[in-house]
Amino acid sequence: MYAKYPAWATRNNIQTPAIESLVQVLDSGRPSLRKRAIPAVSALVATDPSLFDKPVKGKIVEGLSKGGEGARIWVGVIASLAKGQSVGKVGGLVGEGKLIGMILDQASDPTQTEAVEGSLAVSCHVRQDG
């Protein structure tokens, strides 16, 4: 919806409540819901890049710091954002050096294919932009 009708999302001022709701889903929802929320977050941030700096950036750092399943979900968010218009912001965040170890840790278990793919996607997209 956000990707197809960005003007609607902007005009109706739904970005902030929507991103806050999606972040809550990413933190606490069932795995199937979290996986569906990832592209929605990416699409919404594409309609308003300032959303990356406000709630999303802090939640990425917090989510990766927790480790485990939560970190794997946030690696997916980073990978999704890195594939779009937010690649520069993601590159800047990863380039600060705090997250790279946490992201690469997610690639250490080959049985977690989504986490490995997400970690590698972040590395590829950020590197291409930088």
C-alpha atoms as a PDB file:
ATOM      1  CA  MET A   1       0.000   0.000   0.000  1.00  0.00           C
ATOM      2  CA  TYR A   2       2.784   2.435   0.942  1.00  0.00           C
ATOM      3  CA  ALA A   3       4.836   1.640  -2.146  1.00  0.00           C
ATOM      4  CA  LYS A   4       1.877   1.794  -4.516  1.00  0.00           C
ATOM      5  CA  TYR A   5       0.239   4.913  -3.062  1.00  0.00           C
ATOM      6  CA  PRO A   6       2.991   6.997  -1.403  1.00  0.00           C
ATOM      7  CA  ALA A   7       1.090  10.262  -1.913  1.00  0.00           C
ATOM      8  CA  TRP A   8      -1.860   8.858   0.000  1.00  0.00           C
ATOM      9  CA  ALA A   9       0.351   7.868   2.926  1.00  0.00           C
ATOM     10  CA  THR A  10       1.997  11.290   2.970  1.00  0.00           C
ATOM     11  CA  ARG A  11      -1.212  13.248   2.557  1.00  0.00           C
ATOM     12  CA  ASN A  12      -3.009  11.436   5.369  1.00  0.00           C
ATOM     13  CA  ASN A  13      -0.158  11.726   7.890  1.00  0.00           C
ATOM     14  CA  ILE A  14      -0.202   8.057   8.745  1.00  0.00           C
ATOM     15  CA  GLN A  15       3.549   7.484   8.604  1.00  0.00           C
ATOM     16  CA  THR A  16       4.395   7.973  12.275  1.00  0.00           C
ATOM     17  CA  PRO A  17       1.558   5.878  13.745  1.00  0.00           C
ATOM     18  CA  ALA A  18       2.087   3.234  11.069  1.00  0.00           C
ATOM     19  CA  ILE A  19       5.836   2.927  11.646  1.00  0.00           C
ATOM     20  CA  GLU A  20       5.323   2.759  15.407  1.00  0.00           C
ATOM     21  CA  SER A  21       2.792  -0.052  14.953  1.00  0.00           C
ATOM     22  CA  LEU A  22       5.048  -1.953  12.562  1.00  0.00           C
ATOM     23  CA  VAL A  23       8.001  -1.649  14.942  1.00  0.00           C
ATOM     24  CA  GLN A  24       5.839  -3.129  17.702  1.00  0.00           C
ATOM     25  CA  VAL A  25       4.952  -6.045  15.417  1.00  0.00           C
ATOM     26  CA  LEU A  26       8.655  -6.585  14.673  1.00  0.00           C
ATOM     27  CA  ASP A  27       9.461  -6.652  18.376  1.00  0.00           C
ATOM     28  CA  SER A  28       6.659  -8.839  19.634  1.00  0.00           C
ATOM     29  CA  GLY A  29       4.604 -10.433  16.889  1.00  0.00           C
ATOM     30  CA  ARG A  30       4.540 -13.993  15.735  1.00  0.00           C
ATOM     31  CA  PRO A  31       7.322 -14.883  13.274  1.00  0.00           C
ATOM     32  CA  SER A  32       4.927 -14.985  10.302  1.00  0.00           C
ATOM     33  CA  LEU A  33       3.655 -11.490  11.148  1.00  0.00           C
ATOM     34  CA  ARG A  34       7.157 -10.132  11.632  1.00  0.00           C
ATOM     35  CA  LYS A  35       8.244 -11.418   8.217  1.00  0.00           C
ATOM     36  CA  ARG A  36       5.300  -9.614   6.622  1.00  0.00           C
ATOM     37  CA  ALA A  37       6.047  -6.403   8.505  1.00  0.00           C
ATOM     38  CA  ILE A  38       9.595  -6.169   7.129  1.00  0.00           C
ATOM     39  CA  PRO A  39       8.667  -5.103   3.563  1.00  0.00           C
ATOM     40  CA  ALA A  40       5.986  -2.788   4.975  1.00  0.00           C
ATOM     41  CA  VAL A  41       8.599  -0.984   7.078  1.00  0.00           C
ATOM     42  CA  SER A  42      10.862  -0.653   4.050  1.00  0.00           C
ATOM     43  CA  ALA A  43       8.053   0.669   1.852  1.00  0.00           C
ATOM     44  CA  LEU A  44       6.932   3.144   4.499  1.00  0.00           C
ATOM     45  CA  VAL A  45      10.452   4.469   5.060  1.00  0.00           C
ATOM     46  CA  ALA A  46      10.727   4.901   1.279  1.00  0.00           C
ATOM     47  CA  THR A  47       7.733   7.291   1.406  1.00  0.00           C
ATOM     48  CA  ASP A  48       9.340   9.340   4.180  1.00  0.00           C
ATOM     49  CA  PRO A  49      13.099   8.779   4.674  1.00  0.00           C
ATOM     50  CA  SER A  50      13.071  10.770   7.919  1.00  0.00           C
ATOM     51  CA  LEU A  51      11.302   7.789   9.517  1.00  0.00           C
ATOM     52  CA  PHE A  52      14.615   5.939   9.358  1.00  0.00           C
ATOM     53  CA  ASP A  53      16.280   8.497  11.622  1.00  0.00           C
ATOM     54  CA  LYS A  54      13.478   8.770  14.149  1.00  0.00           C
ATOM     55  CA  PRO A  55      12.118   5.428  15.315  1.00  0.00           C
ATOM     56  CA  VAL A  56      13.715   2.855  13.001  1.00  0.00           C
ATOM     57  CA  LYS A  57      17.439   3.517  13.506  1.00  0.00           C
ATOM     58  CA  GLY A  58      17.228   3.218  17.285  1.00  0.00           C
ATOM     59  CA  LYS A  59      15.124   0.077  17.079  1.00  0.00           C
ATOM     60  CA  ILE A  60      17.629  -1.520  14.696  1.00  0.00           C
ATOM     61  CA  VAL A  61      20.450  -0.988  17.178  1.00  0.00           C
ATOM     62  CA  GLU A  62      18.299  -2.172  20.074  1.00  0.00           C
ATOM     63  CA  GLY A  63      17.021  -5.227  18.198  1.00  0.00           C
ATOM     64  CA  LEU A  64      20.457  -6.338  17.042  1.00  0.00           C
ATOM     65  CA  SER A  65      21.832  -5.895  20.554  1.00  0.00           C
ATOM     66  CA  LYS A  66      19.309  -8.404  21.920  1.00  0.00           C
ATOM     67  CA  GLY A  67      20.628 -11.212  19.732  1.00  0.00           C
ATOM     68  CA  GLY A  68      18.677 -14.364  18.920  1.00  0.00           C
ATOM     69  CA  GLU A  69      15.463 -14.322  16.887  1.00  0.00           C
ATOM     70  CA  GLY A  70      15.007 -10.590  17.425  1.00  0.00           C
ATOM     71  CA  ALA A  71      18.381  -9.846  15.888  1.00  0.00           C
ATOM     72  CA  ARG A  72      17.573 -12.051  12.893  1.00  0.00           C
ATOM     73  CA  ILE A  73      14.375 -10.080  12.278  1.00  0.00           C
ATOM     74  CA  TRP A  74      16.236  -6.762  12.430  1.00  0.00           C
ATOM     75  CA  VAL A  75      18.896  -8.041  10.028  1.00  0.00           C
ATOM     76  CA  GLY A  76      15.982  -8.703   7.661  1.00  0.00           C
ATOM     77  CA  VAL A  77      14.788  -5.129   8.153  1.00  0.00           C
ATOM     78  CA  ILE A  78      18.264  -3.768   7.429  1.00  0.00           C
ATOM     79  CA  ALA A  79      18.561  -5.947   4.315  1.00  0.00           C
ATOM     80  CA  SER A  80      15.175  -4.792   3.058  1.00  0.00           C
ATOM     81  CA  LEU A  81      16.027  -1.133   3.663  1.00  0.00           C
ATOM     82  CA  ALA A  82      19.434  -1.571   2.018  1.00  0.00           C
ATOM     83  CA  LYS A  83      17.756  -2.788  -1.177  1.00  0.00           C
ATOM     84  CA  GLY A  84      15.816   0.450  -1.528  1.00  0.00           C
ATOM     85  CA  GLN A  85      16.235   4.187  -1.336  1.00  0.00           C
ATOM     86  CA  SER A  86      17.501   3.989   2.238  1.00  0.00           C
ATOM     87  CA  VAL A  87      20.751   2.260   1.279  1.00  0.00           C
ATOM     88  CA  GLY A  88      22.780   5.396   2.054  1.00  0.00           C
ATOM     89  CA  LYS A  89      21.314   5.705   5.541  1.00  0.00           C
ATOM     90  CA  VAL A  90      21.804   2.000   6.190  1.00  0.00           C
ATOM     91  CA  GLY A  91      25.386   2.296   4.940  1.00  0.00           C
ATOM     92  CA  GLY A  92      25.987   5.203   7.285  1.00  0.00           C
ATOM     93  CA  LEU A  93      24.589   3.288  10.238  1.00  0.00           C
ATOM     94  CA  VAL A  94      26.583   0.157   9.452  1.00  0.00           C
ATOM     95  CA  GLY A  95      29.651   2.284   8.675  1.00  0.00           C
ATOM     96  CA  GLU A  96      29.642   3.655  12.220  1.00  0.00           C
ATOM     97  CA  GLY A  97      31.134   0.285  13.123  1.00  0.00           C
ATOM     98  CA  LYS A  98      28.838  -0.633  16.006  1.00  0.00           C
ATOM     99  CA  LEU A  99      26.602  -2.990  14.065  1.00  0.00           C
ATOM    100  CA  ILE A 100      28.848  -4.808  11.637  1.00  0.00           C
ATOM    101  CA  GLY A 101      29.880  -7.462  14.159  1.00  0.00           C
ATOM    102  CA  MET A 102      26.287  -8.044  15.231  1.00  0.00           C
ATOM    103  CA  ILE A 103      25.153  -8.330  11.610  1.00  0.00           C
ATOM    104  CA  LEU A 104      27.937 -10.741  10.696  1.00  0.00           C
ATOM    105  CA  ASP A 105      27.225 -12.831  13.799  1.00  0.00           C
ATOM    106  CA  GLN A 106      23.858 -13.627  12.237  1.00  0.00           C
ATOM    107  CA  ALA A 107      25.666 -15.253   9.304  1.00  0.00           C
ATOM    108  CA  SER A 108      27.629 -17.624  11.537  1.00  0.00           C
ATOM    109  CA  ASP A 109      24.927 -20.320  11.733  1.00  0.00           C
ATOM    110  CA  PRO A 110      24.365 -21.782   8.257  1.00  0.00           C
ATOM    111  CA  THR A 111      21.129 -23.454   9.391  1.00  0.00           C
ATOM    112  CA  GLN A 112      19.551 -20.009   9.754  1.00  0.00           C
ATOM    113  CA  THR A 113      19.320 -19.352   6.017  1.00  0.00           C
ATOM    114  CA  GLU A 114      17.209 -16.194   6.245  1.00  0.00           C
ATOM    115  CA  ALA A 115      19.614 -14.613   8.713  1.00  0.00           C
ATOM    116  CA  VAL A 116      22.611 -15.562   6.579  1.00  0.00           C
ATOM    117  CA  GLU A 117      20.934 -14.202   3.440  1.00  0.00           C
ATOM    118  CA  GLY A 118      19.987 -10.997   5.233  1.00  0.00           C
ATOM    119  CA  SER A 119      23.496 -10.496   6.581  1.00  0.00           C
ATOM    120  CA  LEU A 120      25.036 -11.065   3.182  1.00  0.00           C
ATOM    121  CA  ALA A 121      22.479  -8.799   1.491  1.00  0.00           C
ATOM    122  CA  VAL A 122      23.330  -5.995   3.893  1.00  0.00           C
ATOM    123  CA  SER A 123      27.028  -6.467   3.176  1.00  0.00           C
ATOM    124  CA  CYS A 124      26.492  -6.482  -0.601  1.00  0.00           C
ATOM    125  CA  HIS A 125      24.103  -3.543  -0.823  1.00  0.00           C
ATOM    126  CA  VAL A 126      25.974  -1.330   1.602  1.00  0.00           C
ATOM    127  CA  ARG A 127      29.264  -2.099  -0.100  1.00  0.00           C
ATOM    128  CA  GLN A 128      27.840  -1.286  -3.566  1.00  0.00           C
ATOM    129  CA  ASP A 129      26.556   2.062  -2.322  1.00  0.00           C
ATOM    130  CA  GLY A 130      29.714   2.933  -0.397  1.00  0.00           C
END
